[in-house]
Amino acid sequence: MWAERVRRQAQRLKVGRGFFEAQLLFADGSFLHFRHDPHTRWVQAWAPEAGGVAPGFVPGIERFRLNRRHLEVWFEDGSRLEVRLGALGTRYRVHE
């Protein structure tokens, strides 16, 4: 399932001030860049010239939500990845 594949590859989540932007970083140097504010909602992939896993994940993303509690991503296969933010650090949960 999409959510499990992303979770296995994810290393870290960086969240910007105001919780409008986040980057989900992968071991190969690629990342998914999420933006969600009152006027905009998009996700883009970035990968080094050598390639990376992030661009392959974008087609599977159906929608997402980003706020001060978590990044939640729904995939076309019905799976969902929840990355919780908090004092204990980043925690990943997959819902299938």
C-alpha atoms as a PDB file:
ATOM      1  CA  MET A   1       0.000   0.000   0.000  1.00  0.00           C
ATOM      2  CA  TRP A   2       1.126   3.548  -0.723  1.00  0.00           C
ATOM      3  CA  ALA A   3       1.157   4.701   2.907  1.00  0.00           C
ATOM      4  CA  GLU A   4       3.376   1.837   4.041  1.00  0.00           C
ATOM      5  CA  ARG A   5       5.839   2.400   1.180  1.00  0.00           C
ATOM      6  CA  VAL A   6       6.147   6.092   2.047  1.00  0.00           C
ATOM      7  CA  ARG A   7       6.540   5.357   5.773  1.00  0.00           C
ATOM      8  CA  ARG A   8       9.329   2.839   5.136  1.00  0.00           C
ATOM      9  CA  GLN A   9      11.286   5.391   3.094  1.00  0.00           C
ATOM     10  CA  ALA A  10      10.620   8.495   5.248  1.00  0.00           C
ATOM     11  CA  GLN A  11      13.386   9.697   7.536  1.00  0.00           C
ATOM     12  CA  ARG A  12      12.253  13.024   8.891  1.00  0.00           C
ATOM     13  CA  LEU A  13       9.554  15.677   8.717  1.00  0.00           C
ATOM     14  CA  LYS A  14      10.510  19.346   8.723  1.00  0.00           C
ATOM     15  CA  VAL A  15       7.681  21.782   9.440  1.00  0.00           C
ATOM     16  CA  GLY A  16       7.839  25.532   8.883  1.00  0.00           C
ATOM     17  CA  ARG A  17       6.639  28.230  11.239  1.00  0.00           C
ATOM     18  CA  GLY A  18       2.907  28.622  11.189  1.00  0.00           C
ATOM     19  CA  PHE A  19       2.528  24.991  10.080  1.00  0.00           C
ATOM     20  CA  PHE A  20       1.749  26.011   6.484  1.00  0.00           C
ATOM     21  CA  GLU A  21       4.644  24.099   4.911  1.00  0.00           C
ATOM     22  CA  ALA A  22       6.331  20.771   5.540  1.00  0.00           C
ATOM     23  CA  GLN A  23       8.967  18.633   3.895  1.00  0.00           C
ATOM     24  CA  LEU A  24       8.908  14.862   4.253  1.00  0.00           C
ATOM     25  CA  LEU A  25      12.549  13.847   3.755  1.00  0.00           C
ATOM     26  CA  PHE A  26      13.726  10.496   2.401  1.00  0.00           C
ATOM     27  CA  ALA A  27      17.060   8.692   2.823  1.00  0.00           C
ATOM     28  CA  ASP A  28      18.073   9.231  -0.811  1.00  0.00           C
ATOM     29  CA  GLY A  29      17.940  13.042  -0.465  1.00  0.00           C
ATOM     30  CA  SER A  30      14.589  13.481  -2.194  1.00  0.00           C
ATOM     31  CA  PHE A  31      11.572  14.980  -0.429  1.00  0.00           C
ATOM     32  CA  LEU A  32       7.884  15.785  -0.712  1.00  0.00           C
ATOM     33  CA  HIS A  33       7.119  19.466  -0.137  1.00  0.00           C
ATOM     34  CA  PHE A  34       3.599  20.136   1.179  1.00  0.00           C
ATOM     35  CA  ARG A  35       1.951  23.573   1.311  1.00  0.00           C
ATOM     36  CA  HIS A  36      -1.449  24.151   2.936  1.00  0.00           C
ATOM     37  CA  ASP A  37      -2.709  27.607   3.865  1.00  0.00           C
ATOM     38  CA  PRO A  38      -6.073  29.375   3.506  1.00  0.00           C
ATOM     39  CA  HIS A  39      -5.403  30.109  -0.198  1.00  0.00           C
ATOM     40  CA  THR A  40      -3.174  27.272  -1.393  1.00  0.00           C
ATOM     41  CA  ARG A  41      -2.868  23.510  -1.172  1.00  0.00           C
ATOM     42  CA  TRP A  42      -0.269  21.567  -3.155  1.00  0.00           C
ATOM     43  CA  VAL A  43       2.403  18.896  -2.943  1.00  0.00           C
ATOM     44  CA  GLN A  44       5.557  18.791  -5.063  1.00  0.00           C
ATOM     45  CA  ALA A  45       8.437  16.355  -5.209  1.00  0.00           C
ATOM     46  CA  TRP A  46      12.117  17.236  -5.357  1.00  0.00           C
ATOM     47  CA  ALA A  47      14.886  14.790  -6.152  1.00  0.00           C
ATOM     48  CA  PRO A  48      18.598  15.126  -6.886  1.00  0.00           C
ATOM     49  CA  GLU A  49      19.720  14.635 -10.491  1.00  0.00           C
ATOM     50  CA  ALA A  50      20.595  11.038  -9.685  1.00  0.00           C
ATOM     51  CA  GLY A  51      16.904  10.444  -8.952  1.00  0.00           C
ATOM     52  CA  GLY A  52      14.980   9.593  -5.822  1.00  0.00           C
ATOM     53  CA  VAL A  53      11.802   8.038  -4.487  1.00  0.00           C
ATOM     54  CA  ALA A  54       9.772  11.227  -3.868  1.00  0.00           C
ATOM     55  CA  PRO A  55       8.573  11.852  -7.453  1.00  0.00           C
ATOM     56  CA  GLY A  56       7.164   8.325  -7.608  1.00  0.00           C
ATOM     57  CA  PHE A  57       4.920   8.973  -4.599  1.00  0.00           C
ATOM     58  CA  VAL A  58       3.128  12.080  -5.935  1.00  0.00           C
ATOM     59  CA  PRO A  59       0.779  10.250  -8.360  1.00  0.00           C
ATOM     60  CA  GLY A  60      -0.569   8.140  -5.483  1.00  0.00           C
ATOM     61  CA  ILE A  61      -1.489  11.127  -3.297  1.00  0.00           C
ATOM     62  CA  GLU A  62      -5.201  11.849  -3.337  1.00  0.00           C
ATOM     63  CA  ARG A  63      -5.282  14.635  -0.715  1.00  0.00           C
ATOM     64  CA  PHE A  64      -3.554  15.800   2.452  1.00  0.00           C
ATOM     65  CA  ARG A  65      -3.991  17.926   5.545  1.00  0.00           C
ATOM     66  CA  LEU A  66      -1.293  19.802   7.456  1.00  0.00           C
ATOM     67  CA  ASN A  67      -1.741  21.497  10.809  1.00  0.00           C
ATOM     68  CA  ARG A  68       0.094  21.933  14.113  1.00  0.00           C
ATOM     69  CA  ARG A  69      -0.788  18.375  15.219  1.00  0.00           C
ATOM     70  CA  HIS A  70       0.038  16.305  12.157  1.00  0.00           C
ATOM     71  CA  LEU A  71       0.527  15.803   8.454  1.00  0.00           C
ATOM     72  CA  GLU A  72      -2.106  13.430   7.146  1.00  0.00           C
ATOM     73  CA  VAL A  73      -1.886  12.030   3.610  1.00  0.00           C
ATOM     74  CA  TRP A  74      -4.585   9.973   1.875  1.00  0.00           C
ATOM     75  CA  PHE A  75      -3.604   7.788  -1.064  1.00  0.00           C
ATOM     76  CA  GLU A  76      -5.566   6.537  -4.062  1.00  0.00           C
ATOM     77  CA  ASP A  77      -5.532   2.953  -2.754  1.00  0.00           C
ATOM     78  CA  GLY A  78      -7.428   3.999   0.395  1.00  0.00           C
ATOM     79  CA  SER A  79      -4.417   3.896   2.726  1.00  0.00           C
ATOM     80  CA  ARG A  80      -3.541   6.878   4.916  1.00  0.00           C
ATOM     81  CA  LEU A  81      -0.272   8.035   6.462  1.00  0.00           C
ATOM     82  CA  GLU A  82      -0.380  10.129   9.612  1.00  0.00           C
ATOM     83  CA  VAL A  83       2.794  11.843  10.800  1.00  0.00           C
ATOM     84  CA  ARG A  84       2.164  13.219  14.285  1.00  0.00           C
ATOM     85  CA  LEU A  85       4.127  16.153  15.650  1.00  0.00           C
ATOM     86  CA  GLY A  86       4.733  16.612  19.335  1.00  0.00           C
ATOM     87  CA  ALA A  87       7.022  16.781  22.323  1.00  0.00           C
ATOM     88  CA  LEU A  88       7.982  13.134  21.850  1.00  0.00           C
ATOM     89  CA  GLY A  89       9.192  13.807  18.323  1.00  0.00           C
ATOM     90  CA  THR A  90       7.760  12.650  15.040  1.00  0.00           C
ATOM     91  CA  ARG A  91       5.633   9.485  15.036  1.00  0.00           C
ATOM     92  CA  TYR A  92       4.387   7.694  11.936  1.00  0.00           C
ATOM     93  CA  ARG A  93       1.144   5.707  11.726  1.00  0.00           C
ATOM     94  CA  VAL A  94      -0.259   3.879   8.741  1.00  0.00           C
ATOM     95  CA  HIS A  95      -4.012   3.334   8.444  1.00  0.00           C
ATOM     96  CA  GLU A  96      -5.172   0.827   5.850  1.00  0.00           C
END
